[in-house]
């Protein structure tokens, strides 16, 4: 893995730890690299995630919790495109990400791709899967 100068940073309204744990369990070589919680007296709910750094398929991400009154919902206008080399892996990720979420498209053949899907998962994060 190389260090990138741009890292996706996801802001959740209280379920960052659940989301990060879910993503790390799904993706190849998923790893939780660090997790820091809010303490009493800090701006944030004590015990919730101040910063979590994690890795999915060699790409670093960060996440945090924000107080619900300040949190802005995710939008499908920003998504993560994940290209897969194996149909079984596509099917597994599609099933897991779509559970409790919304399938916006697919799976279907598009152009040279055998399967394409666009999913907003149960945390509100949108993924595009391509095989």
Foldseek 3Di string as FASTA:
>chain_A
DDDDPDAAEEEAAFCFVVVLVLQLVQAPPKDWPDWDADPPPDQDDGPFTPKTWIDGPRGIHMYGYHHPVPDDADDLVDAAEDEDDDPVSLVSVVVSQQVLWDWPDDQPDDDPWHGWTWIQGNRRHIYIYTD
